[in-house]
Structures are given as C-alpha cells and as structure tokens.
Amino acid sequence: MHKQYSCYFAVLYVMLSMVFINAILLTDLRELSDRMQKEAALELMNERAADKVYVRTLEHIYGNERTVECFSIQRNYRIDLEEQEMEILCRIVQAEAGCEDVTGKMLVADVIINRVENPRFPDDVEGVVFQHVDGVYQFSPVGNGRINEVVVTEETREAVFAALLEEDISDGALYFVSRKYADSGALTWFENNLTSVTQHGGHEFFR
C-alpha cells in the first residue's frame, strides 16, 4: 500500500510540475505576443502619424489654412540634393516665380528637377541652375544676380518641397518662358524647336 501511494504522489508531482511549466511557458508566450502586438501597433501608429503630417502639409500647400513644417516628414525626394542645393533650388524658384501661386512655383521647380534627371543637362541642381551656354546663363536671375538678392518665402519653400516629394506636374517640361518679358527671337526659338506642354500664370512650359 505504501508503495502504491508513493507511486500516486510521484505521478501527481510530475503532473503538477508539467502544469507549472506549461503555465510559465504560456505566460512567457503571452508576454511575447503582447510585446509584439504593441510594437506592431506602435509602428502602425507612427506610419499613420507620418501620413497625417504629409497630408496636412499638402493640404496647406494647396490652400488649407493649417500649417505644418515640411521638415517634419521623412519622404524620398525625386532627386538627391545637399542642403546647399536645396537653398539654390529655393532661390531660383523665388527669383523666377516669386509672384506666381504655389502651382506656378512647383512648375518652375519641376523644370529644374527634370533637367537634373535628363542626360542632356548637368546631373545636379547647382550645375543646372548655373549652367551657361556660349557665355549665356540658362536662367536670367543667375545672369543678373537676382538669385542672390531674393528673400525666399515660406510658401516658396513649401512649393519646392512639394515638387521634390510629388510626381512631376509639368508633364516633363524642361524649359519655361514668360511671353511678357521674352524677346521675339527667344519666343520664336521656343515655338520652332520645342513642344508646348502647359501654361500657368505668367509662364509657358515646353519640352
């Protein structure tokens, strides 16, 4: 009888041990699952937050009253550029389209970006903006020095950021001209050698 009870106690001990071990394992698995769910939820929240900031930024650019710094979002630009080149891009857009609306500014920025991406032009913003052919600069504000005198507005910076982040809205434009200020010879060259793609504000855009 004593041996029989001892056997029962041994079996009971083993069963209780297994239950205890399983309880520990279940607890650990539950904690791991909870931690993974929290991490996944946090990652999703961060993504959604970034998207909301992105949307709010674009809403402001396109006329909404809410303002969000464009630096708050991390997105891939259409082209790679250093801080100095960002400033050059903002300055040429301000000089060429300071009186235009946001869309007009974005279109001018698109021309610069499209040239950087096109093998017929220099492969960086500084090279494109300061390019000169036969002693003539491609952009008049560079030739007359206005690019160094302008004060870049917040709206212009936001338009430049939007052009860098969004798809090209100029339909591949590589040139633009203001019919109001261009001489007849330049206009004739544009019309005879290029394809008109769009017109906005005071500029006509070609490729």
N, C-alpha and C. Protein backbone atom coordinates (compact mmCIF):
# COMPACT_ATOMS: atom_id res chain seq x y z
N MET A 1 0.82 -1.20 0.00
CA MET A 1 0.00 0.00 0.00
C MET A 1 0.87 1.26 0.00
N HIS A 2 1.91 1.25 0.82
CA HIS A 2 2.81 2.41 0.90
C HIS A 2 3.44 2.70 -0.44
N LYS A 3 3.87 1.62 -1.15
CA LYS A 3 4.48 1.81 -2.46
C LYS A 3 3.46 2.37 -3.45
N GLN A 4 2.18 1.95 -3.30
CA GLN A 4 1.15 2.42 -4.21
C GLN A 4 0.92 3.92 -4.04
N TYR A 5 0.86 4.38 -2.76
CA TYR A 5 0.71 5.82 -2.50
C TYR A 5 1.91 6.60 -3.02
N SER A 6 3.09 6.05 -2.84
CA SER A 6 4.29 6.71 -3.31
C SER A 6 4.25 6.89 -4.83
N CYS A 7 3.74 5.89 -5.51
CA CYS A 7 3.62 5.97 -6.97
C CYS A 7 2.63 7.05 -7.38
N TYR A 8 1.49 7.08 -6.61
CA TYR A 8 0.49 8.12 -6.89
C TYR A 8 1.08 9.52 -6.70
N PHE A 9 1.81 9.70 -5.58
CA PHE A 9 2.42 11.01 -5.30
C PHE A 9 3.43 11.39 -6.38
N ALA A 10 4.18 10.41 -6.87
CA ALA A 10 5.17 10.69 -7.92
C ALA A 10 4.49 11.14 -9.20
N VAL A 11 3.42 10.42 -9.55
CA VAL A 11 2.68 10.80 -10.76
C VAL A 11 2.07 12.19 -10.60
N LEU A 12 1.48 12.43 -9.40
CA LEU A 12 0.87 13.74 -9.14
C LEU A 12 1.91 14.85 -9.21
N TYR A 13 3.09 14.57 -8.67
CA TYR A 13 4.18 15.56 -8.68
C TYR A 13 4.58 15.90 -10.13
N VAL A 14 4.70 14.83 -10.92
CA VAL A 14 5.07 15.05 -12.33
C VAL A 14 4.00 15.86 -13.04
N MET A 15 2.72 15.52 -12.79
CA MET A 15 1.64 16.24 -13.45
C MET A 15 1.60 17.70 -13.03
N LEU A 16 1.77 17.94 -11.72
CA LEU A 16 1.78 19.33 -11.23
C LEU A 16 2.95 20.10 -11.80
N SER A 17 4.10 19.44 -11.90
CA SER A 17 5.28 20.09 -12.47
C SER A 17 5.04 20.49 -13.91
N MET A 18 4.40 19.57 -14.66
CA MET A 18 4.10 19.87 -16.06
C MET A 18 3.13 21.03 -16.18
N VAL A 19 2.12 21.03 -15.29
CA VAL A 19 1.16 22.14 -15.30
C VAL A 19 1.86 23.46 -14.99
N PHE A 20 2.77 23.44 -14.00
CA PHE A 20 3.51 24.65 -13.62
C PHE A 20 4.39 25.14 -14.77
N ILE A 21 5.08 24.17 -15.39
CA ILE A 21 5.96 24.55 -16.51
C ILE A 21 5.15 25.11 -17.67
N ASN A 22 4.01 24.45 -17.96
CA ASN A 22 3.16 24.94 -19.04
C ASN A 22 2.62 26.33 -18.75
N ALA A 23 2.29 26.58 -17.47
CA ALA A 23 1.80 27.90 -17.08
C ALA A 23 2.86 28.96 -17.31
N ILE A 24 4.11 28.63 -16.96
CA ILE A 24 5.22 29.58 -17.18
C ILE A 24 5.40 29.84 -18.67
N LEU A 25 5.39 28.74 -19.46
CA LEU A 25 5.56 28.89 -20.91
C LEU A 25 4.44 29.72 -21.53
N LEU A 26 3.21 29.47 -21.10
CA LEU A 26 2.08 30.23 -21.61
C LEU A 26 2.19 31.70 -21.25
N THR A 27 2.64 31.96 -20.01
CA THR A 27 2.83 33.35 -19.58
C THR A 27 3.88 34.05 -20.43
N ASP A 28 5.01 33.34 -20.65
CA ASP A 28 6.08 33.91 -21.48
C ASP A 28 5.59 34.16 -22.90
N LEU A 29 4.84 33.20 -23.46
CA LEU A 29 4.33 33.35 -24.82
C LEU A 29 3.33 34.50 -24.91
N ARG A 30 2.50 34.62 -23.84
CA ARG A 30 1.52 35.70 -23.82
C ARG A 30 2.22 37.06 -23.75
N GLU A 31 3.27 37.16 -22.93
CA GLU A 31 4.03 38.41 -22.82
C GLU A 31 4.72 38.75 -24.14
N LEU A 32 5.29 37.70 -24.80
CA LEU A 32 5.94 37.92 -26.08
C LEU A 32 4.94 38.39 -27.12
N SER A 33 3.75 37.74 -27.12
CA SER A 33 2.71 38.12 -28.07
C SER A 33 2.25 39.56 -27.82
N ASP A 34 2.05 39.90 -26.54
CA ASP A 34 1.63 41.26 -26.20
C ASP A 34 2.67 42.28 -26.65
N ARG A 35 3.95 41.95 -26.40
CA ARG A 35 5.02 42.87 -26.77
C ARG A 35 5.08 43.07 -28.29
N MET A 36 4.93 41.96 -29.03
CA MET A 36 4.96 42.05 -30.49
C MET A 36 3.77 42.84 -31.01
N GLN A 37 2.60 42.65 -30.38
CA GLN A 37 1.42 43.38 -30.80
C GLN A 37 1.58 44.87 -30.52
N LYS A 38 2.17 45.20 -29.36
CA LYS A 38 2.39 46.61 -29.02
C LYS A 38 3.37 47.26 -30.00
N GLU A 39 4.45 46.51 -30.33
CA GLU A 39 5.43 47.05 -31.26
C GLU A 39 4.82 47.26 -32.64
N ALA A 40 4.01 46.29 -33.07
CA ALA A 40 3.35 46.42 -34.37
C ALA A 40 2.37 47.59 -34.37
N ALA A 41 1.64 47.72 -33.27
CA ALA A 41 0.68 48.83 -33.16
C ALA A 41 1.40 50.17 -33.16
N LEU A 42 2.54 50.24 -32.45
CA LEU A 42 3.32 51.48 -32.39
C LEU A 42 3.85 51.84 -33.77
N GLU A 43 4.33 50.84 -34.49
CA GLU A 43 4.85 51.08 -35.84
C GLU A 43 3.75 51.59 -36.75
N LEU A 44 2.57 50.97 -36.65
CA LEU A 44 1.44 51.41 -37.45
C LEU A 44 1.02 52.83 -37.10
N MET A 45 1.03 53.14 -35.80
CA MET A 45 0.68 54.49 -35.37
C MET A 45 1.65 55.51 -35.93
N ASN A 46 2.94 55.16 -35.91
CA ASN A 46 3.96 56.07 -36.43
C ASN A 46 3.76 56.31 -37.92
N GLU A 47 3.45 55.21 -38.66
CA GLU A 47 3.23 55.36 -40.09
C GLU A 47 2.02 56.24 -40.37
N ARG A 48 0.94 55.99 -39.60
CA ARG A 48 -0.26 56.79 -39.81
C ARG A 48 -0.02 58.25 -39.44
N ALA A 49 0.76 58.47 -38.38
CA ALA A 49 1.06 59.84 -37.97
C ALA A 49 1.84 60.56 -39.06
N ALA A 50 2.82 59.87 -39.64
CA ALA A 50 3.61 60.46 -40.72
C ALA A 50 2.73 60.78 -41.92
N ASP A 51 1.81 59.86 -42.23
CA ASP A 51 0.91 60.10 -43.35
C ASP A 51 0.02 61.30 -43.09
N LYS A 52 -0.43 61.44 -41.83
CA LYS A 52 -1.29 62.58 -41.50
C LYS A 52 -0.53 63.89 -41.64
N VAL A 53 0.71 63.91 -41.19
CA VAL A 53 1.52 65.11 -41.34
C VAL A 53 1.72 65.43 -42.81
N TYR A 54 1.98 64.37 -43.61
CA TYR A 54 2.19 64.54 -45.04
C TYR A 54 0.94 65.13 -45.68
N VAL A 55 -0.23 64.58 -45.32
CA VAL A 55 -1.48 65.05 -45.89
C VAL A 55 -1.74 66.49 -45.47
N ARG A 56 -1.51 66.78 -44.18
CA ARG A 56 -1.74 68.15 -43.70
C ARG A 56 -0.83 69.13 -44.40
N THR A 57 0.41 68.73 -44.66
CA THR A 57 1.35 69.61 -45.36
C THR A 57 0.83 69.92 -46.76
N LEU A 58 0.42 68.89 -47.48
CA LEU A 58 -0.09 69.10 -48.82
C LEU A 58 -1.38 69.91 -48.81
N GLU A 59 -2.22 69.70 -47.78
CA GLU A 59 -3.44 70.48 -47.67
C GLU A 59 -3.10 71.96 -47.52
N HIS A 60 -2.08 72.24 -46.72
CA HIS A 60 -1.68 73.64 -46.55
C HIS A 60 -1.15 74.21 -47.85
N ILE A 61 -0.32 73.42 -48.54
CA ILE A 61 0.26 73.88 -49.80
C ILE A 61 -0.83 74.20 -50.81
N TYR A 62 -1.88 73.39 -50.81
CA TYR A 62 -2.92 73.60 -51.79
C TYR A 62 -4.08 74.44 -51.27
N GLY A 63 -3.86 75.24 -50.23
CA GLY A 63 -4.84 76.22 -49.84
C GLY A 63 -5.45 76.06 -48.48
N ASN A 64 -5.20 74.96 -47.76
CA ASN A 64 -5.77 74.80 -46.43
C ASN A 64 -5.06 75.73 -45.47
N GLU A 65 -5.76 76.20 -44.45
CA GLU A 65 -5.18 77.16 -43.52
C GLU A 65 -4.20 76.54 -42.55
N ARG A 66 -4.30 75.23 -42.31
CA ARG A 66 -3.41 74.59 -41.35
C ARG A 66 -1.99 74.57 -41.89
N THR A 67 -1.04 74.82 -41.01
CA THR A 67 0.36 74.87 -41.42
C THR A 67 1.16 73.82 -40.68
N VAL A 68 1.98 73.05 -41.41
CA VAL A 68 2.87 72.05 -40.82
C VAL A 68 4.22 72.19 -41.49
N GLU A 69 5.32 72.18 -40.71
CA GLU A 69 6.64 72.26 -41.29
C GLU A 69 6.89 71.04 -42.17
N CYS A 70 7.35 71.27 -43.40
CA CYS A 70 7.63 70.16 -44.31
C CYS A 70 8.79 69.31 -43.81
N PHE A 71 9.65 69.89 -42.96
CA PHE A 71 10.76 69.13 -42.42
C PHE A 71 10.28 68.02 -41.49
N SER A 72 9.01 68.06 -41.09
CA SER A 72 8.51 67.08 -40.13
C SER A 72 8.30 65.71 -40.73
N ILE A 73 8.32 65.61 -42.07
CA ILE A 73 8.07 64.32 -42.70
C ILE A 73 9.34 63.80 -43.33
N GLN A 74 9.44 62.50 -43.34
CA GLN A 74 10.58 61.85 -43.95
C GLN A 74 10.11 61.09 -45.18
N ARG A 75 10.36 61.66 -46.35
CA ARG A 75 9.97 61.02 -47.60
C ARG A 75 11.16 61.04 -48.55
N ASN A 76 11.11 60.23 -49.55
CA ASN A 76 12.17 60.21 -50.54
C ASN A 76 11.95 61.29 -51.58
N TYR A 77 12.97 62.13 -51.78
CA TYR A 77 12.87 63.14 -52.82
C TYR A 77 13.07 62.51 -54.19
N ARG A 78 12.57 63.18 -55.21
CA ARG A 78 12.74 62.69 -56.58
C ARG A 78 14.21 62.68 -57.00
N ILE A 79 14.98 63.59 -56.46
CA ILE A 79 16.42 63.65 -56.74
C ILE A 79 17.17 63.82 -55.42
N ASP A 80 18.42 63.42 -55.41
CA ASP A 80 19.26 63.62 -54.23
C ASP A 80 19.89 65.00 -54.28
N LEU A 81 19.86 65.71 -53.17
CA LEU A 81 20.48 67.02 -53.14
C LEU A 81 20.92 67.37 -51.73
N GLU A 82 22.01 68.14 -51.66
CA GLU A 82 22.54 68.59 -50.38
C GLU A 82 21.77 69.83 -49.92
N GLU A 83 22.06 70.23 -48.69
CA GLU A 83 21.38 71.40 -48.12
C GLU A 83 21.64 72.65 -48.96
N GLN A 84 22.88 72.81 -49.44
CA GLN A 84 23.22 73.98 -50.25
C GLN A 84 22.42 73.98 -51.55
N GLU A 85 22.25 72.80 -52.15
CA GLU A 85 21.49 72.72 -53.39
C GLU A 85 20.01 72.99 -53.15
N MET A 86 19.52 72.58 -52.00
CA MET A 86 18.13 72.90 -51.65
C MET A 86 17.93 74.41 -51.61
N GLU A 87 18.90 75.11 -51.04
CA GLU A 87 18.81 76.57 -50.96
C GLU A 87 18.87 77.18 -52.36
N ILE A 88 19.73 76.65 -53.22
CA ILE A 88 19.83 77.15 -54.59
C ILE A 88 18.51 76.95 -55.31
N LEU A 89 17.92 75.77 -55.15
CA LEU A 89 16.64 75.46 -55.79
C LEU A 89 15.55 76.42 -55.31
N CYS A 90 15.50 76.66 -54.02
CA CYS A 90 14.50 77.59 -53.47
C CYS A 90 14.73 79.00 -54.00
N ARG A 91 15.98 79.41 -54.12
CA ARG A 91 16.28 80.77 -54.58
C ARG A 91 15.93 80.97 -56.04
N ILE A 92 16.22 79.99 -56.89
CA ILE A 92 15.88 80.17 -58.30
C ILE A 92 14.38 80.16 -58.51
N VAL A 93 13.66 79.35 -57.73
CA VAL A 93 12.20 79.35 -57.83
C VAL A 93 11.64 80.68 -57.35
N GLN A 94 12.18 81.21 -56.27
CA GLN A 94 11.73 82.52 -55.78
C GLN A 94 12.00 83.60 -56.81
N ALA A 95 13.19 83.56 -57.41
CA ALA A 95 13.58 84.59 -58.38
C ALA A 95 12.75 84.51 -59.65
N GLU A 96 12.43 83.29 -60.10
CA GLU A 96 11.71 83.11 -61.35
C GLU A 96 10.20 83.16 -61.17
N ALA A 97 9.71 82.76 -60.00
CA ALA A 97 8.26 82.60 -59.83
C ALA A 97 7.77 83.17 -58.51
N GLY A 98 8.47 84.17 -57.98
CA GLY A 98 8.08 84.73 -56.69
C GLY A 98 6.68 85.31 -56.68
N CYS A 99 6.19 85.78 -57.84
CA CYS A 99 4.85 86.37 -57.91
C CYS A 99 3.80 85.35 -58.33
N GLU A 100 4.22 84.12 -58.60
CA GLU A 100 3.27 83.08 -59.01
C GLU A 100 2.65 82.42 -57.78
N ASP A 101 1.57 81.68 -58.01
CA ASP A 101 0.96 80.91 -56.92
C ASP A 101 1.77 79.63 -56.68
N VAL A 102 1.30 78.80 -55.77
CA VAL A 102 2.05 77.59 -55.42
C VAL A 102 2.26 76.69 -56.62
N THR A 103 1.22 76.52 -57.44
CA THR A 103 1.35 75.68 -58.62
C THR A 103 2.40 76.22 -59.58
N GLY A 104 2.40 77.55 -59.75
CA GLY A 104 3.40 78.16 -60.62
C GLY A 104 4.81 77.94 -60.12
N LYS A 105 4.98 78.01 -58.81
CA LYS A 105 6.30 77.75 -58.21
C LYS A 105 6.70 76.29 -58.38
N MET A 106 5.75 75.38 -58.18
CA MET A 106 6.04 73.95 -58.34
C MET A 106 6.44 73.64 -59.77
N LEU A 107 5.80 74.27 -60.73
CA LEU A 107 6.12 74.02 -62.14
C LEU A 107 7.55 74.43 -62.46
N VAL A 108 7.97 75.58 -61.95
CA VAL A 108 9.35 76.02 -62.17
C VAL A 108 10.33 75.06 -61.50
N ALA A 109 10.01 74.64 -60.29
CA ALA A 109 10.87 73.66 -59.60
C ALA A 109 10.93 72.37 -60.39
N ASP A 110 9.81 71.96 -60.99
CA ASP A 110 9.79 70.74 -61.79
C ASP A 110 10.75 70.83 -62.97
N VAL A 111 10.83 71.98 -63.59
CA VAL A 111 11.75 72.16 -64.71
C VAL A 111 13.19 71.90 -64.27
N ILE A 112 13.57 72.45 -63.12
CA ILE A 112 14.92 72.23 -62.61
C ILE A 112 15.15 70.75 -62.32
N ILE A 113 14.20 70.14 -61.64
CA ILE A 113 14.31 68.72 -61.28
C ILE A 113 14.38 67.85 -62.54
N ASN A 114 13.53 68.16 -63.51
CA ASN A 114 13.52 67.38 -64.76
C ASN A 114 14.85 67.49 -65.49
N ARG A 115 15.46 68.66 -65.43
CA ARG A 115 16.77 68.82 -66.08
C ARG A 115 17.84 67.98 -65.37
N VAL A 116 17.79 67.95 -64.06
CA VAL A 116 18.74 67.13 -63.31
C VAL A 116 18.62 65.66 -63.73
N GLU A 117 17.40 65.23 -63.98
CA GLU A 117 17.15 63.84 -64.33
C GLU A 117 17.41 63.54 -65.82
N ASN A 118 17.56 64.60 -66.61
CA ASN A 118 17.73 64.43 -68.05
C ASN A 118 19.22 64.44 -68.42
N PRO A 119 19.70 63.45 -69.19
CA PRO A 119 21.13 63.37 -69.52
C PRO A 119 21.65 64.53 -70.36
N ARG A 120 20.75 65.32 -70.94
CA ARG A 120 21.18 66.46 -71.75
C ARG A 120 21.63 67.64 -70.90
N PHE A 121 21.40 67.58 -69.59
CA PHE A 121 21.73 68.68 -68.70
C PHE A 121 22.63 68.18 -67.56
N PRO A 122 23.25 69.10 -66.82
CA PRO A 122 24.06 68.68 -65.65
C PRO A 122 23.24 67.81 -64.71
N ASP A 123 23.92 66.98 -63.94
CA ASP A 123 23.21 65.99 -63.10
C ASP A 123 23.02 66.42 -61.66
N ASP A 124 23.14 67.70 -61.37
CA ASP A 124 22.84 68.19 -60.03
C ASP A 124 22.22 69.58 -60.13
N VAL A 125 21.55 69.99 -59.06
CA VAL A 125 20.81 71.26 -59.05
C VAL A 125 21.73 72.45 -59.31
N GLU A 126 22.86 72.48 -58.64
CA GLU A 126 23.77 73.62 -58.83
C GLU A 126 24.24 73.71 -60.28
N GLY A 127 24.59 72.58 -60.86
CA GLY A 127 25.03 72.59 -62.25
C GLY A 127 23.95 73.06 -63.20
N VAL A 128 22.71 72.63 -62.97
CA VAL A 128 21.59 73.04 -63.82
C VAL A 128 21.32 74.53 -63.69
N VAL A 129 21.23 75.02 -62.46
CA VAL A 129 20.87 76.42 -62.23
C VAL A 129 21.94 77.37 -62.77
N PHE A 130 23.21 77.02 -62.61
CA PHE A 130 24.29 77.91 -63.02
C PHE A 130 24.88 77.56 -64.38
N GLN A 131 24.23 76.68 -65.10
CA GLN A 131 24.71 76.32 -66.44
C GLN A 131 24.64 77.52 -67.37
N HIS A 132 25.68 77.70 -68.18
CA HIS A 132 25.64 78.73 -69.21
C HIS A 132 26.21 78.16 -70.50
N VAL A 133 25.59 78.55 -71.59
CA VAL A 133 25.97 78.07 -72.91
C VAL A 133 26.39 79.28 -73.74
N ASP A 134 27.59 79.20 -74.31
CA ASP A 134 28.13 80.33 -75.09
C ASP A 134 28.12 81.62 -74.28
N GLY A 135 28.43 81.49 -73.00
CA GLY A 135 28.52 82.66 -72.14
C GLY A 135 27.20 83.20 -71.63
N VAL A 136 26.10 82.51 -71.95
CA VAL A 136 24.78 82.97 -71.54
C VAL A 136 24.20 82.00 -70.52
N TYR A 137 23.79 82.51 -69.37
CA TYR A 137 23.18 81.66 -68.35
C TYR A 137 21.79 81.22 -68.79
N GLN A 138 21.41 80.01 -68.39
CA GLN A 138 20.12 79.45 -68.77
C GLN A 138 18.96 80.15 -68.07
N PHE A 139 19.23 80.74 -66.90
CA PHE A 139 18.18 81.41 -66.13
C PHE A 139 18.63 82.85 -65.86
N SER A 140 17.80 83.79 -66.30
CA SER A 140 18.17 85.20 -66.23
C SER A 140 18.48 85.69 -64.81
N PRO A 141 17.79 85.22 -63.76
CA PRO A 141 18.14 85.69 -62.41
C PRO A 141 19.57 85.33 -62.00
N VAL A 142 20.15 84.31 -62.63
CA VAL A 142 21.55 83.99 -62.36
C VAL A 142 22.43 85.01 -63.06
N GLY A 143 22.09 85.32 -64.31
CA GLY A 143 22.90 86.26 -65.08
C GLY A 143 22.89 87.67 -64.50
N ASN A 144 21.73 88.11 -64.00
CA ASN A 144 21.66 89.49 -63.47
C ASN A 144 21.87 89.56 -61.96
N GLY A 145 22.08 88.42 -61.31
CA GLY A 145 22.40 88.41 -59.88
C GLY A 145 21.21 88.41 -58.95
N ARG A 146 19.99 88.41 -59.47
CA ARG A 146 18.80 88.44 -58.60
C ARG A 146 18.72 87.21 -57.70
N ILE A 147 19.27 86.11 -58.14
CA ILE A 147 19.20 84.89 -57.34
C ILE A 147 19.85 85.09 -55.97
N ASN A 148 20.80 86.01 -55.88
CA ASN A 148 21.48 86.27 -54.62
C ASN A 148 20.79 87.34 -53.78
N GLU A 149 19.79 87.99 -54.35
CA GLU A 149 19.14 89.11 -53.66
C GLU A 149 17.76 88.75 -53.11
N VAL A 150 17.17 87.71 -53.63
CA VAL A 150 15.79 87.40 -53.24
C VAL A 150 15.72 86.89 -51.79
N VAL A 151 14.57 87.10 -51.19
CA VAL A 151 14.26 86.54 -49.87
C VAL A 151 13.25 85.41 -50.09
N VAL A 152 13.65 84.21 -49.81
CA VAL A 152 12.79 83.05 -50.07
C VAL A 152 11.66 83.01 -49.06
N THR A 153 10.43 82.97 -49.55
CA THR A 153 9.26 82.93 -48.67
C THR A 153 8.98 81.49 -48.23
N GLU A 154 8.19 81.37 -47.18
CA GLU A 154 7.80 80.04 -46.69
C GLU A 154 6.97 79.30 -47.74
N GLU A 155 6.13 80.04 -48.45
CA GLU A 155 5.32 79.41 -49.48
C GLU A 155 6.19 78.82 -50.58
N THR A 156 7.25 79.55 -50.95
CA THR A 156 8.15 79.04 -51.98
C THR A 156 8.84 77.78 -51.51
N ARG A 157 9.29 77.76 -50.26
CA ARG A 157 9.95 76.55 -49.74
C ARG A 157 8.99 75.36 -49.74
N GLU A 158 7.77 75.60 -49.33
CA GLU A 158 6.79 74.53 -49.30
C GLU A 158 6.50 74.01 -50.72
N ALA A 159 6.45 74.93 -51.69
CA ALA A 159 6.23 74.53 -53.08
C ALA A 159 7.39 73.68 -53.60
N VAL A 160 8.60 74.06 -53.23
CA VAL A 160 9.79 73.30 -53.64
C VAL A 160 9.76 71.91 -53.02
N PHE A 161 9.45 71.84 -51.72
CA PHE A 161 9.37 70.54 -51.06
C PHE A 161 8.30 69.67 -51.73
N ALA A 162 7.16 70.28 -52.06
CA ALA A 162 6.08 69.53 -52.70
C ALA A 162 6.53 69.00 -54.06
N ALA A 163 7.25 69.82 -54.82
CA ALA A 163 7.75 69.38 -56.13
C ALA A 163 8.73 68.22 -55.99
N LEU A 164 9.53 68.27 -54.94
CA LEU A 164 10.50 67.20 -54.71
C LEU A 164 9.83 65.91 -54.25
N LEU A 165 8.72 66.04 -53.55
CA LEU A 165 8.04 64.88 -52.99
C LEU A 165 6.99 64.28 -53.92
N GLU A 166 6.35 65.15 -54.70
CA GLU A 166 5.25 64.70 -55.53
C GLU A 166 5.73 64.33 -56.94
N GLU A 167 4.83 63.76 -57.71
CA GLU A 167 5.13 63.48 -59.10
C GLU A 167 5.18 64.79 -59.89
N ASP A 168 5.88 64.74 -61.01
CA ASP A 168 6.03 65.90 -61.88
C ASP A 168 4.67 66.36 -62.39
N ILE A 169 4.31 67.62 -62.14
CA ILE A 169 3.03 68.14 -62.63
C ILE A 169 3.20 68.94 -63.92
N SER A 170 4.45 69.03 -64.43
CA SER A 170 4.72 69.83 -65.62
C SER A 170 4.71 69.01 -66.90
N ASP A 171 4.43 67.71 -66.76
CA ASP A 171 4.42 66.83 -67.93
C ASP A 171 5.77 66.81 -68.64
N GLY A 172 6.84 66.77 -67.83
CA GLY A 172 8.17 66.62 -68.40
C GLY A 172 8.80 67.89 -68.93
N ALA A 173 8.30 69.05 -68.53
CA ALA A 173 8.84 70.31 -69.06
C ALA A 173 10.31 70.49 -68.70
N LEU A 174 11.06 71.00 -69.68
CA LEU A 174 12.49 71.27 -69.48
C LEU A 174 12.82 72.75 -69.67
N TYR A 175 11.84 73.51 -70.13
CA TYR A 175 12.03 74.94 -70.38
C TYR A 175 10.77 75.69 -69.97
N PHE A 176 10.93 76.96 -69.68
CA PHE A 176 9.78 77.83 -69.48
C PHE A 176 10.16 79.22 -69.93
N VAL A 177 9.16 79.99 -70.30
CA VAL A 177 9.41 81.34 -70.77
C VAL A 177 8.23 82.22 -70.40
N SER A 178 8.52 83.47 -70.14
CA SER A 178 7.47 84.45 -69.89
C SER A 178 7.29 85.27 -71.16
N ARG A 179 6.18 85.09 -71.82
CA ARG A 179 5.94 85.79 -73.09
C ARG A 179 5.96 87.31 -72.90
N LYS A 180 5.64 87.74 -71.70
CA LYS A 180 5.57 89.17 -71.41
C LYS A 180 6.95 89.82 -71.44
N TYR A 181 7.98 89.06 -71.04
CA TYR A 181 9.31 89.64 -70.92
C TYR A 181 10.31 89.13 -71.95
N ALA A 182 10.01 88.04 -72.61
CA ALA A 182 10.96 87.46 -73.57
C ALA A 182 10.96 88.24 -74.88
N ASP A 183 12.15 88.29 -75.52
CA ASP A 183 12.19 88.97 -76.82
C ASP A 183 11.65 88.03 -77.89
N SER A 184 11.33 88.60 -79.03
CA SER A 184 10.67 87.84 -80.10
C SER A 184 11.55 86.71 -80.61
N GLY A 185 12.87 86.91 -80.63
CA GLY A 185 13.77 85.87 -81.11
C GLY A 185 13.73 84.64 -80.22
N ALA A 186 13.72 84.87 -78.93
CA ALA A 186 13.66 83.75 -77.98
C ALA A 186 12.33 83.01 -78.11
N LEU A 187 11.24 83.75 -78.24
CA LEU A 187 9.92 83.12 -78.39
C LEU A 187 9.85 82.28 -79.66
N THR A 188 10.42 82.81 -80.73
CA THR A 188 10.43 82.07 -82.00
C THR A 188 11.19 80.77 -81.86
N TRP A 189 12.34 80.80 -81.12
CA TRP A 189 13.13 79.58 -80.92
C TRP A 189 12.33 78.56 -80.12
N PHE A 190 11.66 79.01 -79.07
CA PHE A 190 10.85 78.10 -78.25
C PHE A 190 9.76 77.45 -79.10
N GLU A 191 9.07 78.25 -79.89
CA GLU A 191 7.94 77.74 -80.66
C GLU A 191 8.37 76.82 -81.80
N ASN A 192 9.54 77.07 -82.38
CA ASN A 192 10.00 76.29 -83.52
C ASN A 192 10.75 75.02 -83.13
N ASN A 193 11.33 75.00 -81.94
CA ASN A 193 12.21 73.89 -81.57
C ASN A 193 11.68 73.02 -80.43
N LEU A 194 10.66 73.49 -79.74
CA LEU A 194 10.18 72.76 -78.57
C LEU A 194 8.70 72.45 -78.68
N THR A 195 8.24 71.59 -77.79
CA THR A 195 6.82 71.23 -77.72
C THR A 195 6.18 71.88 -76.50
N SER A 196 5.14 72.64 -76.71
CA SER A 196 4.45 73.27 -75.60
C SER A 196 3.68 72.20 -74.81
N VAL A 197 3.80 72.25 -73.48
CA VAL A 197 3.12 71.24 -72.65
C VAL A 197 2.06 71.85 -71.74
N THR A 198 2.29 73.06 -71.25
CA THR A 198 1.28 73.68 -70.39
C THR A 198 1.57 75.17 -70.23
N GLN A 199 0.57 75.87 -69.74
CA GLN A 199 0.73 77.30 -69.45
C GLN A 199 0.07 77.57 -68.11
N HIS A 200 0.77 78.33 -67.27
CA HIS A 200 0.20 78.67 -65.97
C HIS A 200 0.75 80.01 -65.51
N GLY A 201 -0.14 80.86 -65.06
CA GLY A 201 0.29 82.17 -64.61
C GLY A 201 0.99 82.92 -65.73
N GLY A 202 2.16 83.43 -65.47
CA GLY A 202 2.89 84.19 -66.47
C GLY A 202 3.88 83.38 -67.27
N HIS A 203 3.90 82.07 -67.11
CA HIS A 203 4.88 81.23 -67.79
C HIS A 203 4.24 80.20 -68.72
N GLU A 204 4.94 79.94 -69.82
CA GLU A 204 4.60 78.83 -70.70
C GLU A 204 5.72 77.80 -70.58
N PHE A 205 5.35 76.53 -70.57
CA PHE A 205 6.31 75.47 -70.34
C PHE A 205 6.44 74.58 -71.57
N PHE A 206 7.68 74.18 -71.85
CA PHE A 206 7.98 73.41 -73.05
C PHE A 206 8.90 72.24 -72.71
N ARG A 207 8.97 71.26 -73.62
CA ARG A 207 9.95 70.20 -73.52
C ARG A 207 10.53 69.87 -74.90
